[in-house]
Amino acid sequence: MFQTVAGIVEANGQVRLLEPVVINGPRRAIVTILDDADSSGVLETAFLSQAALAKDWNRPEEDAAWSGLKSVK
């Protein structure tokens, strides 16, 4: 399962998450560096909609529908 968490990357490269994250061991992560403050509110809307969309996306039927697109390791 994927989680999206807002954070700040400090000038020294240290990543500071803006909310607690509970995981049960080391995990890979992707950090996307955004431009300065998003004044349009689009980013906040995307974060807020994630939970609502996850209810539809995180279903076995969705996994089956997209299974053909999984990459080979």
PDB file of N, CA and C in Angstrom:
ATOM      1  N   MET A   1       0.845  -1.178   0.000  1.00  0.00           N
ATOM      2  CA  MET A   1       0.000   0.000   0.000  1.00  0.00           C
ATOM      3  C   MET A   1       0.885   1.233   0.000  1.00  0.00           C
ATOM      4  N   PHE A   2       0.505   2.225  -0.762  1.00  0.00           N
ATOM      5  CA  PHE A   2       1.239   3.474  -0.829  1.00  0.00           C
ATOM      6  C   PHE A   2       0.650   4.472   0.152  1.00  0.00           C
ATOM      7  N   GLN A   3       1.507   5.288   0.723  1.00  0.00           N
ATOM      8  CA  GLN A   3       1.092   6.395   1.566  1.00  0.00           C
ATOM      9  C   GLN A   3       1.679   7.662   0.970  1.00  0.00           C
ATOM     10  N   THR A   4       0.945   8.743   1.012  1.00  0.00           N
ATOM     11  CA  THR A   4       1.467  10.035   0.611  1.00  0.00           C
ATOM     12  C   THR A   4       1.503  10.910   1.848  1.00  0.00           C
ATOM     13  N   VAL A   5       2.662  11.467   2.120  1.00  0.00           N
ATOM     14  CA  VAL A   5       2.847  12.285   3.308  1.00  0.00           C
ATOM     15  C   VAL A   5       3.538  13.579   2.896  1.00  0.00           C
ATOM     16  N   ALA A   6       3.012  14.697   3.339  1.00  0.00           N
ATOM     17  CA  ALA A   6       3.637  15.983   3.056  1.00  0.00           C
ATOM     18  C   ALA A   6       4.885  16.129   3.912  1.00  0.00           C
ATOM     19  N   GLY A   7       5.862  16.806   3.390  1.00  0.00           N
ATOM     20  CA  GLY A   7       7.091  17.025   4.133  1.00  0.00           C
ATOM     21  C   GLY A   7       7.828  18.222   3.595  1.00  0.00           C
ATOM     22  N   ILE A   8       8.941  18.513   4.224  1.00  0.00           N
ATOM     23  CA  ILE A   8       9.791  19.622   3.812  1.00  0.00           C
ATOM     24  C   ILE A   8      11.203  19.091   3.695  1.00  0.00           C
ATOM     25  N   VAL A   9      11.867  19.446   2.603  1.00  0.00           N
ATOM     26  CA  VAL A   9      13.275  19.105   2.445  1.00  0.00           C
ATOM     27  C   VAL A   9      14.061  20.358   2.826  1.00  0.00           C
ATOM     28  N   GLU A  10      14.866  20.216   3.871  1.00  0.00           N
ATOM     29  CA  GLU A  10      15.670  21.340   4.357  1.00  0.00           C
ATOM     30  C   GLU A  10      16.815  21.613   3.380  1.00  0.00           C
ATOM     31  N   ALA A  11      17.436  22.771   3.507  1.00  0.00           N
ATOM     32  CA  ALA A  11      18.531  23.167   2.620  1.00  0.00           C
ATOM     33  C   ALA A  11      19.683  22.166   2.656  1.00  0.00           C
ATOM     34  N   ASN A  12      19.868  21.473   3.791  1.00  0.00           N
ATOM     35  CA  ASN A  12      20.945  20.490   3.902  1.00  0.00           C
ATOM     36  C   ASN A  12      20.551  19.119   3.353  1.00  0.00           C
ATOM     37  N   GLY A  13      19.320  18.996   2.811  1.00  0.00           N
ATOM     38  CA  GLY A  13      18.859  17.740   2.225  1.00  0.00           C
ATOM     39  C   GLY A  13      18.086  16.855   3.181  1.00  0.00           C
ATOM     40  N   GLN A  14      18.008  17.225   4.446  1.00  0.00           N
ATOM     41  CA  GLN A  14      17.264  16.428   5.412  1.00  0.00           C
ATOM     42  C   GLN A  14      15.769  16.554   5.144  1.00  0.00           C
ATOM     43  N   VAL A  15      15.069  15.409   5.160  1.00  0.00           N
ATOM     44  CA  VAL A  15      13.627  15.387   4.914  1.00  0.00           C
ATOM     45  C   VAL A  15      12.899  15.374   6.249  1.00  0.00           C
ATOM     46  N   ARG A  16      11.962  16.295   6.418  1.00  0.00           N
ATOM     47  CA  ARG A  16      11.158  16.374   7.644  1.00  0.00           C
ATOM     48  C   ARG A  16       9.694  16.175   7.254  1.00  0.00           C
ATOM     49  N   LEU A  17       9.097  15.088   7.752  1.00  0.00           N
ATOM     50  CA  LEU A  17       7.697  14.803   7.451  1.00  0.00           C
ATOM     51  C   LEU A  17       6.805  15.665   8.325  1.00  0.00           C
ATOM     52  N   LEU A  18       5.657  16.085   7.783  1.00  0.00           N
ATOM     53  CA  LEU A  18       4.753  16.976   8.494  1.00  0.00           C
ATOM     54  C   LEU A  18       3.671  16.246   9.273  1.00  0.00           C
ATOM     55  N   GLU A  19       3.711  14.913   9.249  1.00  0.00           N
ATOM     56  CA  GLU A  19       2.772  14.113  10.034  1.00  0.00           C
ATOM     57  C   GLU A  19       3.448  12.789  10.362  1.00  0.00           C
ATOM     58  N   PRO A  20       3.011  12.135  11.436  1.00  0.00           N
ATOM     59  CA  PRO A  20       3.641  10.864  11.800  1.00  0.00           C
ATOM     60  C   PRO A  20       3.345   9.770  10.770  1.00  0.00           C
ATOM     61  N   VAL A  21       4.305   8.879  10.609  1.00  0.00           N
ATOM     62  CA  VAL A  21       4.164   7.739   9.710  1.00  0.00           C
ATOM     63  C   VAL A  21       4.470   6.487  10.518  1.00  0.00           C
ATOM     64  N   VAL A  22       3.570   5.506  10.461  1.00  0.00           N
ATOM     65  CA  VAL A  22       3.775   4.242  11.166  1.00  0.00           C
ATOM     66  C   VAL A  22       4.059   3.165  10.132  1.00  0.00           C
ATOM     67  N   ILE A  23       5.254   2.568  10.214  1.00  0.00           N
ATOM     68  CA  ILE A  23       5.642   1.480   9.322  1.00  0.00           C
ATOM     69  C   ILE A  23       6.284   0.395  10.169  1.00  0.00           C
ATOM     70  N   ASN A  24       6.359  -0.813   9.638  1.00  0.00           N
ATOM     71  CA  ASN A  24       6.903  -1.922  10.420  1.00  0.00           C
ATOM     72  C   ASN A  24       8.285  -2.354   9.942  1.00  0.00           C
ATOM     73  N   GLY A  25       9.065  -1.418   9.479  1.00  0.00           N
ATOM     74  CA  GLY A  25      10.423  -1.707   9.043  1.00  0.00           C
ATOM     75  C   GLY A  25      10.850  -0.718   7.979  1.00  0.00           C
ATOM     76  N   PRO A  26      12.087  -0.811   7.520  1.00  0.00           N
ATOM     77  CA  PRO A  26      12.567   0.107   6.482  1.00  0.00           C
ATOM     78  C   PRO A  26      11.726  -0.008   5.216  1.00  0.00           C
ATOM     79  N   ARG A  27      11.500   1.082   4.562  1.00  0.00           N
ATOM     80  CA  ARG A  27      10.729   1.129   3.316  1.00  0.00           C
ATOM     81  C   ARG A  27      11.428   2.064   2.329  1.00  0.00           C
ATOM     82  N   ARG A  28      11.263   1.755   1.054  1.00  0.00           N
ATOM     83  CA  ARG A  28      11.734   2.671   0.012  1.00  0.00           C
ATOM     84  C   ARG A  28      10.781   3.849  -0.038  1.00  0.00           C
ATOM     85  N   ALA A  29      11.259   4.982  -0.521  1.00  0.00           N
ATOM     86  CA  ALA A  29      10.417   6.166  -0.628  1.00  0.00           C
ATOM     87  C   ALA A  29      10.813   6.942  -1.876  1.00  0.00           C
ATOM     88  N   ILE A  30       9.871   7.679  -2.396  1.00  0.00           N
ATOM     89  CA  ILE A  30      10.121   8.591  -3.505  1.00  0.00           C
ATOM     90  C   ILE A  30       9.844   9.995  -2.985  1.00  0.00           C
ATOM     91  N   VAL A  31      10.794  10.876  -3.158  1.00  0.00           N
ATOM     92  CA  VAL A  31      10.626  12.259  -2.716  1.00  0.00           C
ATOM     93  C   VAL A  31      10.539  13.131  -3.959  1.00  0.00           C
ATOM     94  N   THR A  32       9.465  13.880  -4.074  1.00  0.00           N
ATOM     95  CA  THR A  32       9.280  14.800  -5.182  1.00  0.00           C
ATOM     96  C   THR A  32       9.492  16.216  -4.668  1.00  0.00           C
ATOM     97  N   ILE A  33      10.445  16.926  -5.231  1.00  0.00           N
ATOM     98  CA  ILE A  33      10.736  18.286  -4.807  1.00  0.00           C
ATOM     99  C   ILE A  33       9.844  19.229  -5.606  1.00  0.00           C
ATOM    100  N   LEU A  34       9.023  19.992  -4.909  1.00  0.00           N
ATOM    101  CA  LEU A  34       8.092  20.919  -5.536  1.00  0.00           C
ATOM    102  C   LEU A  34       8.666  22.327  -5.552  1.00  0.00           C
ATOM    103  N   ASP A  35       8.097  23.183  -6.389  1.00  0.00           N
ATOM    104  CA  ASP A  35       8.471  24.594  -6.375  1.00  0.00           C
ATOM    105  C   ASP A  35       8.110  25.181  -5.023  1.00  0.00           C
ATOM    106  N   ASP A  36       8.474  26.424  -4.810  1.00  0.00           N
ATOM    107  CA  ASP A  36       8.110  27.111  -3.568  1.00  0.00           C
ATOM    108  C   ASP A  36       6.611  27.034  -3.358  1.00  0.00           C
ATOM    109  N   ALA A  37       6.140  27.562  -2.266  1.00  0.00           N
ATOM    110  CA  ALA A  37       4.749  27.447  -1.815  1.00  0.00           C
ATOM    111  C   ALA A  37       3.742  27.406  -2.961  1.00  0.00           C
ATOM    112  N   ASP A  38       2.853  26.434  -2.881  1.00  0.00           N
ATOM    113  CA  ASP A  38       1.782  26.273  -3.864  1.00  0.00           C
ATOM    114  C   ASP A  38       0.625  27.170  -3.448  1.00  0.00           C
ATOM    115  N   SER A  39       0.510  28.325  -4.080  1.00  0.00           N
ATOM    116  CA  SER A  39      -0.506  29.296  -3.671  1.00  0.00           C
ATOM    117  C   SER A  39      -1.895  28.953  -4.201  1.00  0.00           C
ATOM    118  N   SER A  40      -1.985  28.018  -5.131  1.00  0.00           N
ATOM    119  CA  SER A  40      -3.289  27.705  -5.727  1.00  0.00           C
ATOM    120  C   SER A  40      -4.117  26.761  -4.875  1.00  0.00           C
ATOM    121  N   GLY A  41      -3.507  26.039  -3.933  1.00  0.00           N
ATOM    122  CA  GLY A  41      -4.227  25.086  -3.110  1.00  0.00           C
ATOM    123  C   GLY A  41      -4.410  23.734  -3.777  1.00  0.00           C
ATOM    124  N   VAL A  42      -3.880  23.563  -4.981  1.00  0.00           N
ATOM    125  CA  VAL A  42      -4.048  22.306  -5.712  1.00  0.00           C
ATOM    126  C   VAL A  42      -3.371  21.162  -4.966  1.00  0.00           C
ATOM    127  N   LEU A  43      -2.186  21.390  -4.436  1.00  0.00           N
ATOM    128  CA  LEU A  43      -1.467  20.338  -3.728  1.00  0.00           C
ATOM    129  C   LEU A  43      -2.258  19.875  -2.509  1.00  0.00           C
ATOM    130  N   GLU A  44      -2.788  20.811  -1.743  1.00  0.00           N
ATOM    131  CA  GLU A  44      -3.562  20.442  -0.567  1.00  0.00           C
ATOM    132  C   GLU A  44      -4.798  19.642  -0.955  1.00  0.00           C
ATOM    133  N   THR A  45      -5.445  20.020  -2.039  1.00  0.00           N
ATOM    134  CA  THR A  45      -6.620  19.296  -2.514  1.00  0.00           C
ATOM    135  C   THR A  45      -6.249  17.864  -2.883  1.00  0.00           C
ATOM    136  N   ALA A  46      -5.104  17.686  -3.525  1.00  0.00           N
ATOM    137  CA  ALA A  46      -4.657  16.347  -3.896  1.00  0.00           C
ATOM    138  C   ALA A  46      -4.418  15.493  -2.656  1.00  0.00           C
ATOM    139  N   PHE A  47      -3.771  16.048  -1.650  1.00  0.00           N
ATOM    140  CA  PHE A  47      -3.532  15.292  -0.416  1.00  0.00           C
ATOM    141  C   PHE A  47      -4.839  14.947   0.278  1.00  0.00           C
ATOM    142  N   LEU A  48      -5.762  15.888   0.331  1.00  0.00           N
ATOM    143  CA  LEU A  48      -7.027  15.655   1.020  1.00  0.00           C
ATOM    144  C   LEU A  48      -7.889  14.631   0.295  1.00  0.00           C
ATOM    145  N   SER A  49      -7.790  14.559  -1.029  1.00  0.00           N
ATOM    146  CA  SER A  49      -8.622  13.626  -1.784  1.00  0.00           C
ATOM    147  C   SER A  49      -8.086  12.204  -1.757  1.00  0.00           C
ATOM    148  N   GLN A  50      -6.843  12.020  -1.326  1.00  0.00           N
ATOM    149  CA  GLN A  50      -6.229  10.695  -1.378  1.00  0.00           C
ATOM    150  C   GLN A  50      -7.029   9.661  -0.590  1.00  0.00           C
ATOM    151  N   ALA A  51      -7.462   9.991   0.604  1.00  0.00           N
ATOM    152  CA  ALA A  51      -8.187   9.011   1.429  1.00  0.00           C
ATOM    153  C   ALA A  51      -9.507   8.619   0.773  1.00  0.00           C
ATOM    154  N   ALA A  52     -10.215   9.594   0.213  1.00  0.00           N
ATOM    155  CA  ALA A  52     -11.490   9.299  -0.432  1.00  0.00           C
ATOM    156  C   ALA A  52     -11.282   8.418  -1.670  1.00  0.00           C
ATOM    157  N   LEU A  53     -10.263   8.723  -2.451  1.00  0.00           N
ATOM    158  CA  LEU A  53      -9.996   7.933  -3.651  1.00  0.00           C
ATOM    159  C   LEU A  53      -9.488   6.539  -3.306  1.00  0.00           C
ATOM    160  N   ALA A  54      -8.750   6.413  -2.206  1.00  0.00           N
ATOM    161  CA  ALA A  54      -8.210   5.111  -1.811  1.00  0.00           C
ATOM    162  C   ALA A  54      -9.319   4.101  -1.549  1.00  0.00           C
ATOM    163  N   LYS A  55     -10.467   4.566  -1.078  1.00  0.00           N
ATOM    164  CA  LYS A  55     -11.583   3.644  -0.830  1.00  0.00           C
ATOM    165  C   LYS A  55     -11.987   2.925  -2.115  1.00  0.00           C
ATOM    166  N   ASP A  56     -11.923   3.632  -3.222  1.00  0.00           N
ATOM    167  CA  ASP A  56     -12.278   3.029  -4.505  1.00  0.00           C
ATOM    168  C   ASP A  56     -11.093   2.292  -5.117  1.00  0.00           C
ATOM    169  N   TRP A  57      -9.912   2.857  -4.994  1.00  0.00           N
ATOM    170  CA  TRP A  57      -8.740   2.271  -5.637  1.00  0.00           C
ATOM    171  C   TRP A  57      -8.252   1.015  -4.945  1.00  0.00           C
ATOM    172  N   ASN A  58      -8.326   0.944  -3.632  1.00  0.00           N
ATOM    173  CA  ASN A  58      -7.756  -0.172  -2.874  1.00  0.00           C
ATOM    174  C   ASN A  58      -8.760  -1.300  -2.690  1.00  0.00           C
ATOM    175  N   ARG A  59      -9.220  -1.832  -3.808  1.00  0.00           N
ATOM    176  CA  ARG A  59     -10.165  -2.952  -3.800  1.00  0.00           C
ATOM    177  C   ARG A  59      -9.585  -4.074  -4.640  1.00  0.00           C
ATOM    178  N   PRO A  60      -9.921  -5.307  -4.314  1.00  0.00           N
ATOM    179  CA  PRO A  60      -9.415  -6.439  -5.111  1.00  0.00           C
ATOM    180  C   PRO A  60      -9.791  -6.322  -6.594  1.00  0.00           C
ATOM    181  N   GLU A  61     -10.959  -5.785  -6.878  1.00  0.00           N
ATOM    182  CA  GLU A  61     -11.384  -5.639  -8.283  1.00  0.00           C
ATOM    183  C   GLU A  61     -10.451  -4.695  -9.039  1.00  0.00           C
ATOM    184  N   GLU A  62     -10.010  -3.634  -8.384  1.00  0.00           N
ATOM    185  CA  GLU A  62      -9.078  -2.703  -9.022  1.00  0.00           C
ATOM    186  C   GLU A  62      -7.723  -3.368  -9.240  1.00  0.00           C
ATOM    187  N   ASP A  63      -7.252  -4.109  -8.231  1.00  0.00           N
ATOM    188  CA  ASP A  63      -5.984  -4.821  -8.378  1.00  0.00           C
ATOM    189  C   ASP A  63      -6.032  -5.778  -9.563  1.00  0.00           C
ATOM    190  N   ALA A  64      -7.134  -6.501  -9.693  1.00  0.00           N
ATOM    191  CA  ALA A  64      -7.283  -7.442 -10.809  1.00  0.00           C
ATOM    192  C   ALA A  64      -7.316  -6.706 -12.146  1.00  0.00           C
ATOM    193  N   ALA A  65      -8.006  -5.580 -12.190  1.00  0.00           N
ATOM    194  CA  ALA A  65      -8.123  -4.833 -13.444  1.00  0.00           C
ATOM    195  C   ALA A  65      -6.778  -4.300 -13.917  1.00  0.00           C
ATOM    196  N   TRP A  66      -5.901  -3.933 -12.995  1.00  0.00           N
ATOM    197  CA  TRP A  66      -4.612  -3.332 -13.358  1.00  0.00           C
ATOM    198  C   TRP A  66      -3.462  -4.329 -13.294  1.00  0.00           C
ATOM    199  N   SER A  67      -3.716  -5.582 -12.966  1.00  0.00           N
ATOM    200  CA  SER A  67      -2.644  -6.550 -12.763  1.00  0.00           C
ATOM    201  C   SER A  67      -1.794  -6.755 -13.993  1.00  0.00           C
ATOM    202  N   GLY A  68      -2.353  -6.578 -15.164  1.00  0.00           N
ATOM    203  CA  GLY A  68      -1.599  -6.762 -16.404  1.00  0.00           C
ATOM    204  C   GLY A  68      -0.530  -5.697 -16.611  1.00  0.00           C
ATOM    205  N   LEU A  69      -0.576  -4.606 -15.852  1.00  0.00           N
ATOM    206  CA  LEU A  69       0.385  -3.523 -16.025  1.00  0.00           C
ATOM    207  C   LEU A  69       1.534  -3.585 -15.035  1.00  0.00           C
ATOM    208  N   LYS A  70       1.553  -4.586 -14.153  1.00  0.00           N
ATOM    209  CA  LYS A  70       2.628  -4.691 -13.179  1.00  0.00           C
ATOM    210  C   LYS A  70       3.945  -4.990 -13.884  1.00  0.00           C
ATOM    211  N   SER A  71       5.016  -4.336 -13.411  1.00  0.00           N
ATOM    212  CA  SER A  71       6.323  -4.547 -14.035  1.00  0.00           C
ATOM    213  C   SER A  71       6.935  -5.851 -13.519  1.00  0.00           C
ATOM    214  N   VAL A  72       7.809  -6.396 -14.315  1.00  0.00           N
ATOM    215  CA  VAL A  72       8.511  -7.622 -13.968  1.00  0.00           C
ATOM    216  C   VAL A  72       9.790  -7.239 -13.249  1.00  0.00           C
ATOM    217  N   LYS A  73      10.053  -7.884 -12.093  1.00  0.00           N
ATOM    218  CA  LYS A  73      11.279  -7.565 -11.337  1.00  0.00           C
ATOM    219  C   LYS A  73      12.464  -8.297 -11.876  1.00  0.00           C
TER     220      LYS A  73
END
